[in-house]
């Protein structure tokens, strides 16, 4: 059984290839990736088939409708099928350092946390400060959808009620009002938002 289930809505096959690659080099190999392809022609199936041809068995693919809520309703719906103790819900352009799972899970278990988060780099893509260090806080505007993992039951019980832009930050703030939460120590940057 995986320790962490990653549930990603994807419509960009090249970005998805990078996400799959960074998961495959994690120091903790106890993960699964549920790919929710919202393209009309299922173009995100190809990256999944490519890694399956290499013998990868932890990546699963489903075709889902595009609803217009940045994928949140599909992520919460398919989190019910996740088998991991923790769920992480990145965008398809996420990149994780190889120790992401180990450091996040170790912190959660050592501190008895149901939601854990890490500092991250943000590629602003505005030609001013690319890849700037974002100091995480569990509030709207200070946390990114790919930079936290949460116990599956806590995620499902919240239901991700607001599915507009920024819904991830609002969800984290709500969950943090109910459960123990905390950050990976020492401002470790474990995640890049491209």
N, C-alpha and C. Protein backbone atom coordinates (compact mmCIF):
# COMPACT_ATOMS: atom_id res chain seq x y z
N UNK A 1 0.84 -1.19 0.00
CA UNK A 1 0.00 0.00 0.00
C UNK A 1 0.88 1.25 0.00
N UNK A 2 0.49 2.25 -0.76
CA UNK A 2 1.29 3.49 -0.77
C UNK A 2 1.12 4.28 0.53
N UNK A 3 2.13 5.02 0.88
CA UNK A 3 2.03 5.95 2.00
C UNK A 3 1.36 7.24 1.53
N UNK A 4 1.70 7.66 0.30
CA UNK A 4 1.16 8.92 -0.25
C UNK A 4 0.51 8.65 -1.60
N UNK A 5 -0.69 9.18 -1.76
CA UNK A 5 -1.37 9.17 -3.06
C UNK A 5 -1.33 10.57 -3.62
N UNK A 6 -0.78 10.71 -4.82
CA UNK A 6 -0.79 11.98 -5.53
C UNK A 6 -1.97 11.92 -6.50
N UNK A 7 -2.84 12.93 -6.44
CA UNK A 7 -4.00 12.99 -7.32
C UNK A 7 -3.86 14.27 -8.15
N UNK A 8 -3.67 14.13 -9.46
CA UNK A 8 -3.37 15.27 -10.31
C UNK A 8 -4.34 15.32 -11.49
N UNK A 9 -4.89 16.52 -11.74
CA UNK A 9 -5.65 16.77 -12.96
C UNK A 9 -4.66 17.30 -13.98
N UNK A 10 -4.67 16.71 -15.18
CA UNK A 10 -3.65 17.08 -16.16
C UNK A 10 -4.27 17.35 -17.52
N UNK A 11 -3.70 18.35 -18.19
CA UNK A 11 -4.03 18.57 -19.60
C UNK A 11 -2.77 18.91 -20.39
N UNK A 12 -1.59 18.69 -19.77
CA UNK A 12 -0.31 19.02 -20.40
C UNK A 12 0.61 17.80 -20.29
N UNK A 13 0.71 17.01 -21.34
CA UNK A 13 1.49 15.77 -21.25
C UNK A 13 2.96 15.97 -20.92
N UNK A 14 3.59 17.02 -21.43
CA UNK A 14 5.01 17.21 -21.13
C UNK A 14 5.25 17.54 -19.67
N UNK A 15 4.40 18.39 -19.09
CA UNK A 15 4.53 18.68 -17.66
C UNK A 15 4.29 17.42 -16.84
N UNK A 16 3.31 16.62 -17.26
CA UNK A 16 3.01 15.37 -16.56
C UNK A 16 4.22 14.44 -16.58
N UNK A 17 4.94 14.38 -17.68
CA UNK A 17 6.14 13.54 -17.77
C UNK A 17 7.16 13.94 -16.69
N UNK A 18 7.33 15.25 -16.47
CA UNK A 18 8.27 15.72 -15.45
C UNK A 18 7.78 15.33 -14.04
N UNK A 19 6.49 15.47 -13.81
CA UNK A 19 5.94 15.09 -12.50
C UNK A 19 6.18 13.60 -12.24
N UNK A 20 5.87 12.78 -13.23
CA UNK A 20 6.09 11.33 -13.08
C UNK A 20 7.57 11.04 -12.83
N UNK A 21 8.45 11.69 -13.57
CA UNK A 21 9.89 11.44 -13.42
C UNK A 21 10.37 11.79 -12.02
N UNK A 22 9.91 12.92 -11.46
CA UNK A 22 10.41 13.30 -10.13
C UNK A 22 9.84 12.38 -9.05
N UNK A 23 8.67 11.81 -9.27
CA UNK A 23 8.15 10.83 -8.31
C UNK A 23 8.93 9.53 -8.38
N UNK A 24 9.32 9.14 -9.56
CA UNK A 24 10.04 7.87 -9.72
C UNK A 24 11.42 7.88 -9.08
N UNK A 25 11.97 9.08 -8.81
CA UNK A 25 13.29 9.15 -8.15
C UNK A 25 13.18 9.53 -6.68
N UNK A 26 11.99 9.46 -6.12
CA UNK A 26 11.84 9.73 -4.69
C UNK A 26 12.61 8.70 -3.87
N UNK A 27 13.18 9.15 -2.76
CA UNK A 27 13.89 8.22 -1.87
C UNK A 27 12.90 7.28 -1.18
N UNK A 28 11.67 7.69 -1.04
CA UNK A 28 10.61 6.82 -0.53
C UNK A 28 9.75 6.41 -1.73
N UNK A 29 9.73 5.14 -2.03
CA UNK A 29 9.05 4.66 -3.23
C UNK A 29 7.61 4.21 -2.96
N UNK A 30 7.09 4.48 -1.77
CA UNK A 30 5.74 4.05 -1.40
C UNK A 30 4.71 5.12 -1.77
N UNK A 31 4.47 5.27 -3.06
CA UNK A 31 3.53 6.28 -3.55
C UNK A 31 2.73 5.71 -4.70
N UNK A 32 1.64 6.41 -5.01
CA UNK A 32 0.88 6.14 -6.23
C UNK A 32 0.50 7.48 -6.83
N UNK A 33 0.27 7.49 -8.12
CA UNK A 33 -0.14 8.70 -8.83
C UNK A 33 -1.42 8.39 -9.60
N UNK A 34 -2.46 9.14 -9.30
CA UNK A 34 -3.72 9.02 -10.02
C UNK A 34 -3.81 10.21 -10.97
N UNK A 35 -3.72 9.94 -12.26
CA UNK A 35 -3.74 10.99 -13.29
C UNK A 35 -5.18 11.12 -13.80
N UNK A 36 -5.72 12.31 -13.67
CA UNK A 36 -7.08 12.61 -14.15
C UNK A 36 -6.94 13.48 -15.39
N UNK A 37 -7.11 12.86 -16.53
CA UNK A 37 -6.89 13.50 -17.83
C UNK A 37 -8.17 14.21 -18.26
N UNK A 38 -8.10 15.54 -18.39
CA UNK A 38 -9.30 16.29 -18.78
C UNK A 38 -9.23 16.82 -20.21
N UNK A 39 -8.37 16.19 -21.02
CA UNK A 39 -8.29 16.62 -22.42
C UNK A 39 -9.31 15.84 -23.25
N UNK A 40 -9.89 16.47 -24.28
CA UNK A 40 -10.89 15.76 -25.07
C UNK A 40 -10.34 14.55 -25.82
N UNK A 41 -9.05 14.56 -26.14
CA UNK A 41 -8.47 13.44 -26.89
C UNK A 41 -7.57 12.55 -26.04
N UNK A 42 -7.67 12.70 -24.74
CA UNK A 42 -6.91 11.84 -23.82
C UNK A 42 -5.40 11.88 -24.09
N UNK A 43 -4.85 13.06 -24.32
CA UNK A 43 -3.43 13.16 -24.66
C UNK A 43 -2.51 12.87 -23.47
N UNK A 44 -3.05 12.87 -22.26
CA UNK A 44 -2.21 12.58 -21.10
C UNK A 44 -2.11 11.08 -20.80
N UNK A 45 -2.75 10.27 -21.63
CA UNK A 45 -2.59 8.83 -21.50
C UNK A 45 -1.20 8.40 -21.97
N UNK A 46 -0.65 9.07 -22.96
CA UNK A 46 0.66 8.68 -23.52
C UNK A 46 1.77 8.65 -22.46
N UNK A 47 1.94 9.69 -21.61
CA UNK A 47 3.00 9.61 -20.60
C UNK A 47 2.81 8.44 -19.63
N UNK A 48 1.56 8.11 -19.33
CA UNK A 48 1.28 6.99 -18.44
C UNK A 48 1.68 5.68 -19.12
N UNK A 49 1.32 5.53 -20.38
CA UNK A 49 1.67 4.31 -21.11
C UNK A 49 3.19 4.18 -21.27
N UNK A 50 3.88 5.32 -21.43
CA UNK A 50 5.34 5.28 -21.55
C UNK A 50 6.01 4.70 -20.30
N UNK A 51 5.55 5.11 -19.12
CA UNK A 51 6.17 4.57 -17.90
C UNK A 51 5.69 3.16 -17.61
N UNK A 52 4.47 2.85 -18.02
CA UNK A 52 4.02 1.45 -17.88
C UNK A 52 4.89 0.52 -18.71
N UNK A 53 5.32 0.99 -19.89
CA UNK A 53 6.20 0.18 -20.75
C UNK A 53 7.56 -0.06 -20.08
N UNK A 54 7.92 0.81 -19.14
CA UNK A 54 9.17 0.64 -18.38
C UNK A 54 8.98 -0.24 -17.15
N UNK A 55 7.74 -0.71 -16.93
CA UNK A 55 7.46 -1.58 -15.78
C UNK A 55 6.85 -0.86 -14.60
N UNK A 56 6.56 0.42 -14.75
CA UNK A 56 5.97 1.20 -13.64
C UNK A 56 4.52 0.77 -13.41
N UNK A 57 4.18 0.46 -12.16
CA UNK A 57 2.83 -0.01 -11.83
C UNK A 57 2.10 0.91 -10.85
N UNK A 58 2.70 2.05 -10.51
CA UNK A 58 2.09 2.94 -9.50
C UNK A 58 1.37 4.13 -10.10
N UNK A 59 1.27 4.20 -11.41
CA UNK A 59 0.63 5.35 -12.08
C UNK A 59 -0.66 4.86 -12.72
N UNK A 60 -1.76 5.52 -12.38
CA UNK A 60 -3.09 5.14 -12.86
C UNK A 60 -3.69 6.30 -13.63
N UNK A 61 -4.48 6.00 -14.63
CA UNK A 61 -5.04 7.01 -15.52
C UNK A 61 -6.56 6.88 -15.58
N UNK A 62 -7.23 8.03 -15.54
CA UNK A 62 -8.68 8.10 -15.73
C UNK A 62 -9.00 9.31 -16.60
N UNK A 63 -9.95 9.17 -17.48
CA UNK A 63 -10.43 10.31 -18.27
C UNK A 63 -11.56 10.96 -17.49
N UNK A 64 -11.48 12.29 -17.28
CA UNK A 64 -12.49 13.02 -16.51
C UNK A 64 -12.96 14.24 -17.29
N UNK A 65 -14.16 14.73 -17.00
CA UNK A 65 -14.64 15.92 -17.69
C UNK A 65 -13.95 17.19 -17.17
N UNK A 66 -13.87 18.19 -18.02
CA UNK A 66 -13.39 19.51 -17.60
C UNK A 66 -14.60 20.28 -17.10
N UNK A 67 -14.59 20.60 -15.82
CA UNK A 67 -15.76 21.22 -15.20
C UNK A 67 -15.62 22.74 -15.11
N UNK A 68 -14.39 23.24 -15.09
CA UNK A 68 -14.19 24.68 -15.01
C UNK A 68 -13.92 25.17 -13.60
N UNK A 69 -13.46 24.29 -12.74
CA UNK A 69 -13.15 24.69 -11.36
C UNK A 69 -11.69 24.40 -11.01
N UNK A 70 -10.81 24.51 -11.98
CA UNK A 70 -9.38 24.28 -11.83
C UNK A 70 -9.09 22.84 -11.38
N UNK A 71 -10.03 21.96 -11.61
CA UNK A 71 -9.82 20.55 -11.32
C UNK A 71 -10.11 20.11 -9.91
N UNK A 72 -10.50 21.04 -9.02
CA UNK A 72 -10.66 20.66 -7.62
C UNK A 72 -11.75 19.61 -7.39
N UNK A 73 -12.89 19.73 -8.05
CA UNK A 73 -13.96 18.76 -7.80
C UNK A 73 -13.55 17.36 -8.24
N UNK A 74 -12.78 17.25 -9.31
CA UNK A 74 -12.30 15.93 -9.73
C UNK A 74 -11.27 15.39 -8.74
N UNK A 75 -10.39 16.27 -8.23
CA UNK A 75 -9.39 15.82 -7.26
C UNK A 75 -10.07 15.28 -6.01
N UNK A 76 -11.05 15.99 -5.49
CA UNK A 76 -11.71 15.52 -4.27
C UNK A 76 -12.50 14.25 -4.55
N UNK A 77 -13.14 14.16 -5.70
CA UNK A 77 -13.90 12.94 -6.04
C UNK A 77 -12.98 11.72 -6.10
N UNK A 78 -11.83 11.86 -6.76
CA UNK A 78 -10.94 10.73 -6.92
C UNK A 78 -10.06 10.47 -5.71
N UNK A 79 -9.99 11.42 -4.77
CA UNK A 79 -9.27 11.16 -3.52
C UNK A 79 -9.94 10.03 -2.74
N UNK A 80 -11.21 9.82 -2.98
CA UNK A 80 -11.92 8.72 -2.32
C UNK A 80 -11.37 7.36 -2.74
N UNK A 81 -10.74 7.30 -3.91
CA UNK A 81 -10.17 6.05 -4.39
C UNK A 81 -8.69 5.91 -4.03
N UNK A 82 -8.11 6.96 -3.46
CA UNK A 82 -6.70 6.93 -3.09
C UNK A 82 -6.49 5.89 -1.98
N UNK A 83 -5.36 5.22 -2.04
CA UNK A 83 -5.07 4.18 -1.06
C UNK A 83 -4.06 4.64 -0.01
N UNK A 84 -3.46 5.80 -0.21
CA UNK A 84 -2.42 6.27 0.70
C UNK A 84 -2.97 6.80 2.01
N UNK A 85 -2.11 6.77 3.01
CA UNK A 85 -2.44 7.39 4.30
C UNK A 85 -2.58 8.90 4.12
N UNK A 86 -1.71 9.47 3.27
CA UNK A 86 -1.73 10.90 2.96
C UNK A 86 -2.09 11.09 1.50
N UNK A 87 -2.69 12.25 1.20
CA UNK A 87 -3.01 12.63 -0.17
C UNK A 87 -2.32 13.95 -0.46
N UNK A 88 -1.75 14.05 -1.65
CA UNK A 88 -1.15 15.28 -2.15
C UNK A 88 -1.82 15.57 -3.49
N UNK A 89 -2.23 16.81 -3.72
CA UNK A 89 -3.04 17.14 -4.90
C UNK A 89 -2.37 18.21 -5.77
N UNK A 90 -1.22 17.90 -6.36
CA UNK A 90 -0.49 18.92 -7.13
C UNK A 90 -1.15 19.23 -8.46
N UNK A 91 -0.69 20.33 -9.06
CA UNK A 91 -0.97 20.58 -10.47
C UNK A 91 0.02 19.75 -11.27
N UNK A 92 -0.21 19.64 -12.57
CA UNK A 92 0.67 18.79 -13.38
C UNK A 92 2.04 19.40 -13.64
N UNK A 93 2.25 20.66 -13.25
CA UNK A 93 3.57 21.27 -13.44
C UNK A 93 4.40 21.27 -12.16
N UNK A 94 4.03 20.43 -11.21
CA UNK A 94 4.78 20.34 -9.95
C UNK A 94 6.09 19.59 -10.15
N UNK A 95 7.08 19.98 -9.36
CA UNK A 95 8.34 19.24 -9.30
C UNK A 95 8.70 19.08 -7.83
N UNK A 96 9.05 17.88 -7.43
CA UNK A 96 9.42 17.59 -6.05
C UNK A 96 10.87 17.14 -5.97
N UNK A 97 11.59 17.63 -4.94
CA UNK A 97 12.95 17.14 -4.72
C UNK A 97 12.85 15.68 -4.30
N UNK A 98 13.91 14.89 -4.50
CA UNK A 98 13.82 13.45 -4.23
C UNK A 98 13.45 13.06 -2.80
N UNK A 99 13.69 13.93 -1.83
CA UNK A 99 13.36 13.58 -0.44
C UNK A 99 12.01 14.13 0.02
N UNK A 100 11.20 14.63 -0.90
CA UNK A 100 9.91 15.23 -0.54
C UNK A 100 9.06 14.28 0.32
N UNK A 101 8.80 13.09 -0.16
CA UNK A 101 7.93 12.17 0.58
C UNK A 101 8.55 11.83 1.93
N UNK A 102 9.84 11.48 1.95
CA UNK A 102 10.48 11.12 3.22
C UNK A 102 10.40 12.24 4.24
N UNK A 103 10.73 13.47 3.84
CA UNK A 103 10.73 14.57 4.81
C UNK A 103 9.31 14.94 5.27
N UNK A 104 8.37 14.92 4.35
CA UNK A 104 7.00 15.27 4.72
C UNK A 104 6.38 14.21 5.64
N UNK A 105 6.54 12.95 5.28
CA UNK A 105 5.95 11.88 6.10
C UNK A 105 6.66 11.78 7.45
N UNK A 106 7.99 11.92 7.46
CA UNK A 106 8.71 11.87 8.73
C UNK A 106 8.21 12.98 9.66
N UNK A 107 8.07 14.20 9.13
CA UNK A 107 7.60 15.32 9.95
C UNK A 107 6.19 15.04 10.48
N UNK A 108 5.31 14.57 9.60
CA UNK A 108 3.93 14.30 10.03
C UNK A 108 3.89 13.26 11.14
N UNK A 109 4.65 12.19 10.99
CA UNK A 109 4.62 11.13 11.99
C UNK A 109 5.33 11.54 13.28
N UNK A 110 6.48 12.21 13.17
CA UNK A 110 7.23 12.61 14.36
C UNK A 110 6.46 13.61 15.21
N UNK A 111 5.66 14.46 14.55
CA UNK A 111 4.92 15.49 15.28
C UNK A 111 3.42 15.19 15.39
N UNK A 112 3.01 14.00 14.95
CA UNK A 112 1.61 13.58 14.99
C UNK A 112 0.71 14.61 14.29
N UNK A 113 1.05 14.92 13.03
CA UNK A 113 0.32 15.91 12.26
C UNK A 113 -0.59 15.23 11.24
N UNK A 114 -1.74 15.83 10.99
CA UNK A 114 -2.63 15.34 9.95
C UNK A 114 -2.45 16.11 8.65
N UNK A 115 -1.85 17.28 8.72
CA UNK A 115 -1.56 18.08 7.54
C UNK A 115 -0.16 18.65 7.70
N UNK A 116 0.68 18.46 6.69
CA UNK A 116 2.07 18.93 6.75
C UNK A 116 2.37 19.68 5.46
N UNK A 117 3.21 20.72 5.56
CA UNK A 117 3.51 21.56 4.40
C UNK A 117 4.98 21.94 4.42
N UNK A 118 5.45 22.45 3.26
CA UNK A 118 6.87 22.79 3.13
C UNK A 118 7.01 24.11 2.38
N UNK A 119 8.17 24.73 2.54
CA UNK A 119 8.48 25.90 1.73
C UNK A 119 8.66 25.46 0.29
N UNK A 120 8.56 26.44 -0.62
CA UNK A 120 8.57 26.10 -2.04
C UNK A 120 9.19 27.22 -2.84
N UNK A 121 9.53 26.90 -4.06
CA UNK A 121 10.01 27.89 -5.01
C UNK A 121 8.89 28.16 -6.00
N UNK A 122 8.72 29.43 -6.32
CA UNK A 122 7.67 29.82 -7.27
C UNK A 122 8.32 30.49 -8.46
N UNK A 123 8.11 29.91 -9.64
CA UNK A 123 8.58 30.52 -10.87
C UNK A 123 7.50 31.50 -11.31
N UNK A 124 7.69 32.76 -10.98
CA UNK A 124 6.66 33.76 -11.23
C UNK A 124 6.37 33.96 -12.71
N UNK A 125 7.30 33.57 -13.55
CA UNK A 125 7.14 33.71 -15.00
C UNK A 125 6.83 35.15 -15.41
N UNK A 126 7.33 36.10 -14.61
CA UNK A 126 7.08 37.51 -14.94
C UNK A 126 8.38 38.26 -15.25
N UNK A 127 9.46 37.52 -15.44
CA UNK A 127 10.77 38.09 -15.80
C UNK A 127 11.34 39.01 -14.73
N UNK A 128 10.87 38.87 -13.49
CA UNK A 128 11.43 39.70 -12.42
C UNK A 128 12.23 38.85 -11.45
N UNK A 129 11.59 37.98 -10.74
CA UNK A 129 12.26 37.15 -9.75
C UNK A 129 11.88 35.70 -9.96
N UNK A 130 12.48 35.05 -10.93
CA UNK A 130 12.12 33.64 -11.14
C UNK A 130 12.57 32.78 -9.98
N UNK A 131 11.79 31.78 -9.68
CA UNK A 131 12.08 30.82 -8.62
C UNK A 131 12.40 31.51 -7.29
N UNK A 132 11.46 32.30 -6.84
CA UNK A 132 11.66 32.96 -5.55
C UNK A 132 11.18 32.06 -4.42
N UNK A 133 11.86 32.15 -3.28
CA UNK A 133 11.55 31.34 -2.09
C UNK A 133 10.24 31.83 -1.49
N UNK A 134 9.31 30.90 -1.34
CA UNK A 134 8.02 31.20 -0.72
C UNK A 134 8.01 30.54 0.66
N UNK A 135 7.91 31.38 1.71
CA UNK A 135 7.85 30.87 3.08
C UNK A 135 6.40 30.49 3.37
N UNK A 136 6.19 29.21 3.62
CA UNK A 136 4.84 28.68 3.71
C UNK A 136 4.15 29.09 5.01
N UNK A 137 2.87 29.37 4.89
CA UNK A 137 1.95 29.53 6.02
C UNK A 137 0.64 28.89 5.59
N UNK A 138 -0.08 28.27 6.50
CA UNK A 138 -1.31 27.57 6.11
C UNK A 138 -2.51 28.50 5.97
N UNK A 139 -2.34 29.51 5.10
CA UNK A 139 -3.41 30.49 4.87
C UNK A 139 -3.49 30.79 3.37
N UNK A 140 -4.60 31.34 2.97
CA UNK A 140 -4.80 31.74 1.58
C UNK A 140 -3.67 32.65 1.13
N UNK A 141 -3.07 32.36 -0.02
CA UNK A 141 -2.01 33.18 -0.60
C UNK A 141 -0.61 32.84 -0.13
N UNK A 142 -0.47 31.93 0.85
CA UNK A 142 0.86 31.60 1.37
C UNK A 142 1.16 30.11 1.30
N UNK A 143 0.28 29.36 0.63
CA UNK A 143 0.50 27.93 0.47
C UNK A 143 0.04 27.56 -0.93
N UNK A 144 0.67 26.57 -1.52
CA UNK A 144 0.29 26.18 -2.88
C UNK A 144 -0.24 24.76 -2.87
N UNK A 145 -1.10 24.48 -3.81
CA UNK A 145 -1.80 23.20 -3.87
C UNK A 145 -0.86 22.00 -3.85
N UNK A 146 0.32 22.11 -4.41
CA UNK A 146 1.23 20.98 -4.42
C UNK A 146 2.16 20.91 -3.24
N UNK A 147 2.14 21.90 -2.36
CA UNK A 147 3.11 22.00 -1.28
C UNK A 147 2.64 21.50 0.06
N UNK A 148 1.60 20.69 0.07
CA UNK A 148 1.16 20.09 1.33
C UNK A 148 0.65 18.69 1.08
N UNK A 149 0.61 17.89 2.13
CA UNK A 149 -0.09 16.62 2.08
C UNK A 149 -0.93 16.51 3.34
N UNK A 150 -2.04 15.82 3.21
CA UNK A 150 -3.03 15.77 4.28
C UNK A 150 -3.54 14.35 4.41
N UNK A 151 -3.89 13.96 5.62
CA UNK A 151 -4.49 12.64 5.81
C UNK A 151 -5.74 12.55 4.94
N UNK A 152 -5.90 11.43 4.30
CA UNK A 152 -7.00 11.23 3.35
C UNK A 152 -8.36 11.54 3.97
N UNK A 153 -8.59 11.08 5.18
CA UNK A 153 -9.89 11.28 5.84
C UNK A 153 -10.17 12.77 6.07
N UNK A 154 -9.16 13.53 6.43
CA UNK A 154 -9.35 14.97 6.67
C UNK A 154 -9.70 15.69 5.38
N UNK A 155 -9.07 15.30 4.27
CA UNK A 155 -9.37 15.91 2.98
C UNK A 155 -10.80 15.61 2.56
N UNK A 156 -11.18 14.35 2.65
CA UNK A 156 -12.53 13.96 2.23
C UNK A 156 -13.58 14.61 3.11
N UNK A 157 -13.31 14.67 4.41
CA UNK A 157 -14.29 15.27 5.32
C UNK A 157 -14.48 16.77 5.06
N UNK A 158 -13.41 17.45 4.63
CA UNK A 158 -13.56 18.87 4.28
C UNK A 158 -14.37 19.02 3.00
N UNK A 159 -14.08 18.21 2.00
CA UNK A 159 -14.84 18.23 0.76
C UNK A 159 -14.45 19.30 -0.24
N UNK A 160 -13.45 20.14 0.10
CA UNK A 160 -12.96 21.18 -0.82
C UNK A 160 -14.15 21.98 -1.33
N UNK A 161 -14.86 22.62 -0.41
CA UNK A 161 -16.15 23.25 -0.71
C UNK A 161 -16.07 24.44 -1.66
N UNK A 162 -14.99 25.20 -1.62
CA UNK A 162 -14.85 26.31 -2.55
C UNK A 162 -13.91 25.88 -3.66
N UNK A 163 -14.41 25.82 -4.89
CA UNK A 163 -13.61 25.25 -5.98
C UNK A 163 -13.12 26.31 -6.97
N UNK A 164 -13.09 27.56 -6.59
CA UNK A 164 -12.55 28.60 -7.45
C UNK A 164 -11.05 28.76 -7.25
N UNK A 165 -10.47 29.74 -7.93
CA UNK A 165 -9.04 30.04 -7.75
C UNK A 165 -8.78 30.32 -6.28
N UNK A 166 -7.70 29.75 -5.77
CA UNK A 166 -7.36 29.94 -4.36
C UNK A 166 -8.09 29.01 -3.42
N UNK A 167 -8.88 28.11 -3.96
CA UNK A 167 -9.63 27.19 -3.12
C UNK A 167 -8.74 26.28 -2.30
N UNK A 168 -7.52 26.02 -2.79
CA UNK A 168 -6.60 25.18 -2.04
C UNK A 168 -6.17 25.86 -0.74
N UNK A 169 -5.85 27.14 -0.80
CA UNK A 169 -5.46 27.86 0.41
C UNK A 169 -6.59 27.95 1.42
N UNK A 170 -7.79 28.19 0.93
CA UNK A 170 -8.94 28.24 1.82
C UNK A 170 -9.21 26.88 2.45
N UNK A 171 -9.05 25.81 1.67
CA UNK A 171 -9.23 24.47 2.20
C UNK A 171 -8.22 24.17 3.30
N UNK A 172 -6.95 24.49 3.05
CA UNK A 172 -5.92 24.24 4.06
C UNK A 172 -6.24 25.01 5.33
N UNK A 173 -6.64 26.26 5.21
CA UNK A 173 -6.98 27.06 6.40
C UNK A 173 -8.12 26.41 7.18
N UNK A 174 -9.14 25.91 6.47
CA UNK A 174 -10.27 25.25 7.15
C UNK A 174 -9.82 23.99 7.86
N UNK A 175 -9.04 23.16 7.16
CA UNK A 175 -8.60 21.90 7.76
C UNK A 175 -7.72 22.18 8.97
N UNK A 176 -6.87 23.20 8.88
CA UNK A 176 -5.97 23.52 9.99
C UNK A 176 -6.71 24.00 11.23
N UNK A 177 -7.93 24.46 11.08
CA UNK A 177 -8.73 24.81 12.25
C UNK A 177 -9.19 23.58 13.01
N UNK A 178 -9.13 22.41 12.37
CA UNK A 178 -9.67 21.19 12.98
C UNK A 178 -8.63 20.16 13.36
N UNK A 179 -7.46 20.18 12.71
CA UNK A 179 -6.48 19.10 12.92
C UNK A 179 -5.11 19.67 13.27
N UNK A 180 -4.25 18.78 13.80
CA UNK A 180 -2.87 19.18 14.06
C UNK A 180 -2.14 19.34 12.73
N UNK A 181 -1.37 20.41 12.61
CA UNK A 181 -0.67 20.70 11.35
C UNK A 181 0.67 21.35 11.65
N UNK A 182 1.55 21.32 10.67
CA UNK A 182 2.83 21.97 10.84
C UNK A 182 3.70 21.85 9.61
N UNK A 183 4.81 22.58 9.64
CA UNK A 183 5.72 22.65 8.49
C UNK A 183 6.93 21.76 8.71
N UNK A 184 7.50 21.32 7.61
CA UNK A 184 8.79 20.64 7.65
C UNK A 184 9.80 21.62 8.25
N UNK A 185 10.63 21.17 9.18
CA UNK A 185 11.54 22.10 9.87
C UNK A 185 12.57 22.75 8.95
N UNK A 186 13.13 23.82 9.44
CA UNK A 186 14.29 24.49 8.83
C UNK A 186 14.02 25.10 7.47
N UNK A 187 12.76 25.43 7.20
CA UNK A 187 12.41 26.07 5.93
C UNK A 187 12.91 25.29 4.72
N UNK A 188 12.89 23.98 4.79
CA UNK A 188 13.33 23.18 3.65
C UNK A 188 12.40 23.41 2.45
N UNK A 189 13.02 23.65 1.31
CA UNK A 189 12.27 23.81 0.06
C UNK A 189 12.22 22.44 -0.60
N UNK A 190 11.01 21.88 -0.70
CA UNK A 190 10.87 20.53 -1.23
C UNK A 190 10.05 20.48 -2.49
N UNK A 191 9.56 21.63 -2.94
CA UNK A 191 8.58 21.66 -4.01
C UNK A 191 8.82 22.89 -4.89
N UNK A 192 8.67 22.71 -6.19
CA UNK A 192 8.79 23.83 -7.13
C UNK A 192 7.48 23.94 -7.90
N UNK A 193 6.92 25.14 -7.88
CA UNK A 193 5.71 25.45 -8.65
C UNK A 193 6.13 26.19 -9.90
N UNK A 194 6.00 25.55 -11.05
CA UNK A 194 6.44 26.16 -12.31
C UNK A 194 5.35 27.00 -12.95
